[in-house]
Amino acid sequence: MVAPGGLSSPNLALLAQRGQLGARDHDGILGAVDIVSSPTFTLVNEYNTTAGESIFHIDFYRIKKLEEVYDFGLEEYLTGDSFCFMEWPELIEELLPPETVTVRISVDAEGQRILSVT
């Protein structure tokens, strides 16, 4: 699978973004051809790539209990074939599959974003 931005890996379908508020940047990571906005109020947004593939952008910020993620079908996103980009994954940590790739974003003293992928 080739992820948005050209990252390639057979297991790079699930991306969990972590970082301080204000450092997060979903536009640069998603690589969607659609206008990207935070799904904070809808929980999940769907975007398309230039290849016509779907990217699901999930924001867990408003999740208060794990039961809530089952209500919108989280397991279908985590086991599907589409790229899934997740914000605030700390709130559902115990549900993330082991193949989830973590993207950490921090800001240095000069205000530059530092990106780390593990």
N, C-alpha and C. Protein backbone atom coordinates (compact mmCIF):
# COMPACT_ATOMS: atom_id res chain seq x y z
N MET A 1 0.85 -1.18 0.00
CA MET A 1 0.00 0.00 0.00
C MET A 1 0.89 1.23 0.00
N VAL A 2 0.53 2.20 -0.80
CA VAL A 2 1.22 3.48 -0.79
C VAL A 2 0.31 4.49 -0.12
N ALA A 3 0.77 5.04 0.97
CA ALA A 3 -0.01 5.98 1.75
C ALA A 3 0.09 7.37 1.14
N PRO A 4 -0.81 8.25 1.50
CA PRO A 4 -0.70 9.63 1.06
C PRO A 4 0.68 10.19 1.41
N GLY A 5 1.21 11.00 0.54
CA GLY A 5 2.53 11.57 0.77
C GLY A 5 3.64 10.66 0.27
N GLY A 6 3.28 9.49 -0.30
CA GLY A 6 4.27 8.60 -0.88
C GLY A 6 4.88 7.59 0.05
N LEU A 7 4.50 7.56 1.33
CA LEU A 7 5.02 6.55 2.24
C LEU A 7 4.52 5.19 1.79
N SER A 8 5.39 4.20 1.75
CA SER A 8 4.98 2.90 1.26
C SER A 8 5.32 1.81 2.27
N SER A 9 4.33 0.97 2.54
CA SER A 9 4.52 -0.13 3.47
C SER A 9 3.31 -1.03 3.38
N PRO A 10 3.48 -2.36 3.51
CA PRO A 10 2.31 -3.23 3.49
C PRO A 10 1.43 -3.04 4.71
N ASN A 11 1.93 -2.42 5.77
CA ASN A 11 1.16 -2.26 7.00
C ASN A 11 0.84 -0.82 7.33
N LEU A 12 0.94 0.08 6.37
CA LEU A 12 0.75 1.49 6.66
C LEU A 12 -0.67 1.93 6.32
N ALA A 13 -1.65 1.23 6.85
CA ALA A 13 -3.04 1.62 6.60
C ALA A 13 -3.59 2.41 7.78
N LEU A 14 -3.01 2.23 8.97
CA LEU A 14 -3.51 2.89 10.17
C LEU A 14 -2.45 3.84 10.70
N LEU A 15 -2.77 5.12 10.73
CA LEU A 15 -1.82 6.14 11.20
C LEU A 15 -2.42 6.85 12.40
N ALA A 16 -1.75 6.78 13.54
CA ALA A 16 -2.21 7.46 14.75
C ALA A 16 -1.34 8.69 14.98
N GLN A 17 -1.94 9.87 14.93
CA GLN A 17 -1.19 11.12 15.11
C GLN A 17 -1.23 11.54 16.57
N ARG A 18 -0.06 11.80 17.11
CA ARG A 18 0.06 12.25 18.49
C ARG A 18 0.89 13.54 18.50
N GLY A 19 0.59 14.40 19.42
CA GLY A 19 1.35 15.64 19.53
C GLY A 19 0.56 16.68 20.27
N GLN A 20 1.29 17.69 20.69
CA GLN A 20 0.64 18.75 21.45
C GLN A 20 -0.34 19.50 20.56
N LEU A 21 -1.38 20.03 21.16
CA LEU A 21 -2.37 20.81 20.43
C LEU A 21 -1.66 21.99 19.79
N GLY A 22 -1.95 22.26 18.55
CA GLY A 22 -1.29 23.33 17.83
C GLY A 22 -0.15 22.82 16.96
N ALA A 23 0.40 21.67 17.30
CA ALA A 23 1.48 21.10 16.50
C ALA A 23 0.92 20.18 15.42
N ARG A 24 -0.27 19.70 15.64
CA ARG A 24 -0.87 18.73 14.72
C ARG A 24 -1.18 19.39 13.38
N ASP A 25 -0.96 18.64 12.31
CA ASP A 25 -1.16 19.17 10.96
C ASP A 25 -1.72 18.07 10.09
N HIS A 26 -3.03 18.01 9.95
CA HIS A 26 -3.60 16.94 9.16
C HIS A 26 -3.53 17.21 7.67
N ASP A 27 -3.46 18.47 7.24
CA ASP A 27 -3.38 18.76 5.81
C ASP A 27 -2.15 18.13 5.17
N GLY A 28 -0.99 18.31 5.79
CA GLY A 28 0.25 17.81 5.22
C GLY A 28 0.38 16.31 5.24
N ILE A 29 -0.23 15.66 6.19
CA ILE A 29 -0.10 14.21 6.30
C ILE A 29 -1.11 13.49 5.44
N LEU A 30 -2.32 13.99 5.38
CA LEU A 30 -3.37 13.26 4.68
C LEU A 30 -3.12 13.15 3.18
N GLY A 31 -2.66 14.20 2.53
CA GLY A 31 -2.42 14.13 1.09
C GLY A 31 -3.70 13.98 0.27
N ALA A 32 -4.82 14.41 0.79
CA ALA A 32 -6.10 14.29 0.09
C ALA A 32 -6.23 15.38 -0.96
N VAL A 33 -7.05 15.10 -1.97
CA VAL A 33 -7.33 16.12 -2.98
C VAL A 33 -8.50 17.00 -2.55
N ASP A 34 -9.26 16.56 -1.56
CA ASP A 34 -10.37 17.34 -1.02
C ASP A 34 -9.86 18.36 -0.02
N ILE A 35 -10.69 19.34 0.33
CA ILE A 35 -10.35 20.28 1.39
C ILE A 35 -10.45 19.53 2.71
N VAL A 36 -9.39 19.59 3.51
CA VAL A 36 -9.32 18.84 4.75
C VAL A 36 -9.73 19.74 5.91
N SER A 37 -10.65 19.22 6.73
CA SER A 37 -11.04 19.92 7.95
C SER A 37 -11.11 18.90 9.07
N SER A 38 -10.98 19.36 10.28
CA SER A 38 -11.01 18.45 11.41
C SER A 38 -12.42 17.89 11.58
N PRO A 39 -12.52 16.56 11.79
CA PRO A 39 -13.83 15.95 11.99
C PRO A 39 -14.28 15.97 13.44
N THR A 40 -13.85 16.96 14.21
CA THR A 40 -14.15 17.00 15.64
C THR A 40 -15.64 16.89 15.92
N PHE A 41 -16.48 17.47 15.09
CA PHE A 41 -17.91 17.44 15.36
C PHE A 41 -18.61 16.26 14.70
N THR A 42 -18.02 15.70 13.65
CA THR A 42 -18.63 14.56 12.97
C THR A 42 -17.95 13.24 13.35
N LEU A 43 -16.81 13.29 13.99
CA LEU A 43 -15.96 12.16 14.38
C LEU A 43 -15.21 11.55 13.20
N VAL A 44 -15.85 11.36 12.04
CA VAL A 44 -15.18 10.76 10.88
C VAL A 44 -15.47 11.58 9.63
N ASN A 45 -14.41 11.92 8.89
CA ASN A 45 -14.54 12.52 7.57
C ASN A 45 -13.93 11.57 6.56
N GLU A 46 -14.47 11.55 5.36
CA GLU A 46 -13.91 10.75 4.28
C GLU A 46 -13.40 11.67 3.19
N TYR A 47 -12.18 11.42 2.71
CA TYR A 47 -11.57 12.19 1.64
C TYR A 47 -11.15 11.24 0.53
N ASN A 48 -10.86 11.79 -0.64
CA ASN A 48 -10.40 10.98 -1.77
C ASN A 48 -8.99 11.39 -2.17
N THR A 49 -8.22 10.41 -2.64
CA THR A 49 -6.88 10.67 -3.16
C THR A 49 -7.00 10.90 -4.67
N THR A 50 -5.91 11.29 -5.29
CA THR A 50 -5.92 11.46 -6.74
C THR A 50 -6.15 10.14 -7.46
N ALA A 51 -5.87 9.02 -6.78
CA ALA A 51 -6.10 7.68 -7.35
C ALA A 51 -7.53 7.20 -7.11
N GLY A 52 -8.35 8.04 -6.47
CA GLY A 52 -9.73 7.67 -6.22
C GLY A 52 -9.94 6.77 -5.01
N GLU A 53 -8.91 6.62 -4.19
CA GLU A 53 -9.03 5.81 -2.98
C GLU A 53 -9.55 6.66 -1.83
N SER A 54 -10.17 6.00 -0.85
CA SER A 54 -10.70 6.70 0.31
C SER A 54 -9.66 6.82 1.41
N ILE A 55 -9.70 7.95 2.11
CA ILE A 55 -8.93 8.17 3.32
C ILE A 55 -9.94 8.52 4.40
N PHE A 56 -9.92 7.81 5.51
CA PHE A 56 -10.82 8.12 6.61
C PHE A 56 -10.03 8.84 7.69
N HIS A 57 -10.55 9.97 8.12
CA HIS A 57 -9.92 10.84 9.12
C HIS A 57 -10.82 10.82 10.35
N ILE A 58 -10.34 10.19 11.42
CA ILE A 58 -11.14 10.03 12.63
C ILE A 58 -10.53 10.87 13.75
N ASP A 59 -11.38 11.63 14.44
CA ASP A 59 -10.94 12.45 15.56
C ASP A 59 -11.65 11.96 16.81
N PHE A 60 -10.88 11.41 17.74
CA PHE A 60 -11.44 10.83 18.97
C PHE A 60 -11.54 11.84 20.11
N TYR A 61 -11.30 13.10 19.84
CA TYR A 61 -11.24 14.13 20.89
C TYR A 61 -12.47 14.14 21.79
N ARG A 62 -13.66 13.98 21.22
CA ARG A 62 -14.89 14.07 22.00
C ARG A 62 -15.33 12.75 22.61
N ILE A 63 -14.59 11.68 22.37
CA ILE A 63 -14.97 10.37 22.92
C ILE A 63 -14.77 10.37 24.43
N LYS A 64 -15.81 10.00 25.14
CA LYS A 64 -15.75 9.93 26.60
C LYS A 64 -15.63 8.50 27.12
N LYS A 65 -16.20 7.54 26.39
CA LYS A 65 -16.15 6.12 26.77
C LYS A 65 -15.84 5.29 25.52
N LEU A 66 -15.15 4.18 25.71
CA LEU A 66 -14.82 3.31 24.59
C LEU A 66 -16.06 2.81 23.86
N GLU A 67 -17.16 2.65 24.55
CA GLU A 67 -18.39 2.15 23.93
C GLU A 67 -18.83 3.05 22.78
N GLU A 68 -18.51 4.34 22.87
CA GLU A 68 -18.92 5.28 21.83
C GLU A 68 -18.29 4.96 20.48
N VAL A 69 -17.07 4.44 20.47
CA VAL A 69 -16.42 4.16 19.18
C VAL A 69 -17.04 2.96 18.49
N TYR A 70 -17.61 2.06 19.26
CA TYR A 70 -18.31 0.93 18.65
C TYR A 70 -19.60 1.38 17.99
N ASP A 71 -20.21 2.45 18.51
CA ASP A 71 -21.46 2.96 17.96
C ASP A 71 -21.30 3.47 16.53
N PHE A 72 -20.13 3.99 16.18
CA PHE A 72 -19.96 4.46 14.80
C PHE A 72 -19.15 3.48 13.94
N GLY A 73 -18.93 2.26 14.44
CA GLY A 73 -18.33 1.22 13.62
C GLY A 73 -16.82 1.27 13.50
N LEU A 74 -16.12 1.61 14.56
CA LEU A 74 -14.66 1.72 14.51
C LEU A 74 -13.99 0.49 13.93
N GLU A 75 -14.48 -0.70 14.31
CA GLU A 75 -13.80 -1.91 13.85
C GLU A 75 -13.79 -2.02 12.33
N GLU A 76 -14.80 -1.48 11.66
CA GLU A 76 -14.81 -1.51 10.20
C GLU A 76 -13.70 -0.64 9.61
N TYR A 77 -13.44 0.50 10.24
CA TYR A 77 -12.36 1.37 9.77
C TYR A 77 -10.99 0.73 10.03
N LEU A 78 -10.82 0.11 11.19
CA LEU A 78 -9.53 -0.46 11.56
C LEU A 78 -9.20 -1.73 10.79
N THR A 79 -10.20 -2.42 10.28
CA THR A 79 -9.95 -3.67 9.56
C THR A 79 -10.20 -3.55 8.07
N GLY A 80 -10.60 -2.38 7.60
CA GLY A 80 -10.89 -2.18 6.19
C GLY A 80 -9.63 -2.00 5.35
N ASP A 81 -9.83 -1.81 4.06
CA ASP A 81 -8.71 -1.66 3.12
C ASP A 81 -8.29 -0.22 2.90
N SER A 82 -9.03 0.72 3.44
CA SER A 82 -8.72 2.13 3.21
C SER A 82 -7.74 2.66 4.25
N PHE A 83 -7.05 3.71 3.86
CA PHE A 83 -6.13 4.41 4.75
C PHE A 83 -6.94 5.08 5.85
N CYS A 84 -6.50 4.97 7.10
CA CYS A 84 -7.22 5.52 8.24
C CYS A 84 -6.26 6.37 9.08
N PHE A 85 -6.57 7.66 9.17
CA PHE A 85 -5.76 8.62 9.90
C PHE A 85 -6.51 9.01 11.16
N MET A 86 -5.89 8.85 12.33
CA MET A 86 -6.58 9.05 13.60
C MET A 86 -5.92 10.12 14.45
N GLU A 87 -6.74 11.06 14.96
CA GLU A 87 -6.27 12.06 15.92
C GLU A 87 -6.77 11.68 17.31
N TRP A 88 -6.00 12.01 18.32
CA TRP A 88 -6.31 11.68 19.72
C TRP A 88 -6.45 10.17 19.93
N PRO A 89 -5.53 9.37 19.37
CA PRO A 89 -5.64 7.91 19.53
C PRO A 89 -5.42 7.46 20.97
N GLU A 90 -4.85 8.33 21.80
CA GLU A 90 -4.62 7.98 23.20
C GLU A 90 -5.93 7.57 23.89
N LEU A 91 -7.04 8.11 23.40
CA LEU A 91 -8.33 7.85 24.03
C LEU A 91 -8.89 6.46 23.72
N ILE A 92 -8.32 5.79 22.70
CA ILE A 92 -8.76 4.43 22.36
C ILE A 92 -7.56 3.48 22.26
N GLU A 93 -6.49 3.83 22.94
CA GLU A 93 -5.22 3.11 22.84
C GLU A 93 -5.37 1.58 22.87
N GLU A 94 -6.17 1.08 23.76
CA GLU A 94 -6.29 -0.38 23.92
C GLU A 94 -6.97 -1.06 22.74
N LEU A 95 -7.58 -0.30 21.85
CA LEU A 95 -8.26 -0.88 20.69
C LEU A 95 -7.41 -0.85 19.42
N LEU A 96 -6.30 -0.12 19.45
CA LEU A 96 -5.47 0.02 18.25
C LEU A 96 -4.73 -1.28 17.95
N PRO A 97 -4.80 -1.73 16.69
CA PRO A 97 -4.06 -2.93 16.30
C PRO A 97 -2.55 -2.70 16.39
N PRO A 98 -1.78 -3.76 16.57
CA PRO A 98 -0.32 -3.61 16.70
C PRO A 98 0.35 -3.00 15.47
N GLU A 99 -0.25 -3.12 14.31
CA GLU A 99 0.36 -2.57 13.09
C GLU A 99 0.13 -1.08 12.90
N THR A 100 -0.53 -0.44 13.86
CA THR A 100 -0.77 1.00 13.77
C THR A 100 0.55 1.76 13.80
N VAL A 101 0.73 2.66 12.86
CA VAL A 101 1.93 3.49 12.78
C VAL A 101 1.65 4.78 13.54
N THR A 102 2.59 5.18 14.38
CA THR A 102 2.43 6.40 15.17
C THR A 102 3.23 7.54 14.55
N VAL A 103 2.56 8.67 14.38
CA VAL A 103 3.21 9.89 13.91
C VAL A 103 3.17 10.87 15.08
N ARG A 104 4.34 11.26 15.56
CA ARG A 104 4.42 12.24 16.65
C ARG A 104 4.87 13.58 16.07
N ILE A 105 4.15 14.62 16.47
CA ILE A 105 4.49 15.95 15.99
C ILE A 105 4.74 16.84 17.21
N SER A 106 5.89 17.48 17.20
CA SER A 106 6.22 18.41 18.27
C SER A 106 6.71 19.70 17.63
N VAL A 107 6.86 20.71 18.46
CA VAL A 107 7.33 22.00 17.98
C VAL A 107 8.60 22.35 18.74
N ASP A 108 9.67 22.70 18.01
CA ASP A 108 10.92 23.05 18.69
C ASP A 108 10.91 24.51 19.12
N ALA A 109 12.00 24.95 19.71
CA ALA A 109 12.10 26.30 20.27
C ALA A 109 11.93 27.40 19.21
N GLU A 110 12.26 27.08 17.95
CA GLU A 110 12.12 28.06 16.86
C GLU A 110 10.75 28.01 16.21
N GLY A 111 9.87 27.14 16.70
CA GLY A 111 8.53 27.04 16.14
C GLY A 111 8.42 26.08 14.96
N GLN A 112 9.48 25.34 14.67
CA GLN A 112 9.46 24.37 13.58
C GLN A 112 8.83 23.06 14.05
N ARG A 113 8.01 22.46 13.22
CA ARG A 113 7.42 21.17 13.54
C ARG A 113 8.44 20.06 13.34
N ILE A 114 8.46 19.12 14.28
CA ILE A 114 9.34 17.96 14.19
C ILE A 114 8.44 16.74 14.08
N LEU A 115 8.64 15.95 13.03
CA LEU A 115 7.82 14.78 12.76
C LEU A 115 8.63 13.52 13.00
N SER A 116 8.04 12.59 13.76
CA SER A 116 8.68 11.31 14.05
C SER A 116 7.67 10.21 13.75
N VAL A 117 8.09 9.21 12.96
CA VAL A 117 7.20 8.11 12.57
C VAL A 117 7.77 6.81 13.13
N THR A 118 6.93 6.09 13.89
CA THR A 118 7.34 4.78 14.44
C THR A 118 6.25 3.77 14.24
